[in-house]
Amino acid sequence: MSMRGVERVFQVPRQCLATWLQEEAETLPDLETRLAEPAGEDALALEE
């Protein structure tokens, strides 16, 4: 659902929603720490 849809359904201003989302995003760990290293056959082979 879009931010405008959330605004209409829940009567929450888009700016409040954007602020809440930004605050929540700042608490998430970095992407590099969440990604697992590929193991064996899962890794892509590079052709030269």
Protein backbone atom coordinates (compact mmCIF):
# COMPACT_ATOMS: atom_id res chain seq x y z
CA MET A 1 0.00 0.00 0.00
CA SER A 2 1.26 3.45 -0.81
CA MET A 3 1.83 6.17 1.74
CA ARG A 4 -1.15 8.02 0.33
CA GLY A 5 -3.28 4.90 0.77
CA VAL A 6 -2.16 4.57 4.40
CA GLU A 7 -2.97 8.24 4.89
CA ARG A 8 -6.51 7.77 3.58
CA VAL A 9 -7.27 4.49 5.35
CA PHE A 10 -5.77 5.26 8.76
CA GLN A 11 -6.08 9.06 8.73
CA VAL A 12 -2.33 9.43 9.40
CA PRO A 13 -0.52 12.33 7.70
CA ARG A 14 2.10 11.22 5.18
CA GLN A 15 4.79 13.28 6.92
CA CYS A 16 4.17 11.41 10.21
CA LEU A 17 4.32 8.11 8.36
CA ALA A 18 7.55 9.13 6.62
CA THR A 19 9.08 10.12 9.96
CA TRP A 20 8.07 6.82 11.57
CA LEU A 21 9.48 4.84 8.65
CA GLN A 22 12.76 6.77 8.71
CA GLU A 23 13.15 6.24 12.46
CA GLU A 24 12.47 2.52 12.07
CA ALA A 25 14.90 2.23 9.15
CA GLU A 26 17.66 3.79 11.25
CA THR A 27 17.30 1.01 13.85
CA LEU A 28 17.85 -1.76 11.28
CA PRO A 29 21.31 -3.31 10.95
CA ASP A 30 23.41 -2.50 7.89
CA LEU A 31 22.70 -4.54 4.79
CA GLU A 32 26.24 -5.95 4.75
CA THR A 33 25.77 -7.45 8.22
CA ARG A 34 22.43 -9.04 7.29
CA LEU A 35 23.60 -10.75 4.10
CA ALA A 36 25.10 -14.19 4.45
CA GLU A 37 28.20 -15.21 2.55
CA PRO A 38 27.36 -17.52 -0.37
CA ALA A 39 28.24 -21.12 0.37
CA GLY A 40 29.73 -23.48 -2.24
CA GLU A 41 27.27 -24.10 -5.05
CA ASP A 42 25.23 -21.03 -4.19
CA ALA A 43 28.02 -18.70 -5.34
CA LEU A 44 28.00 -17.45 -8.92
CA ALA A 45 30.97 -18.33 -11.07
CA LEU A 46 32.62 -15.48 -12.93
CA GLU A 47 33.71 -16.20 -16.46
CA GLU A 48 36.65 -14.29 -17.79
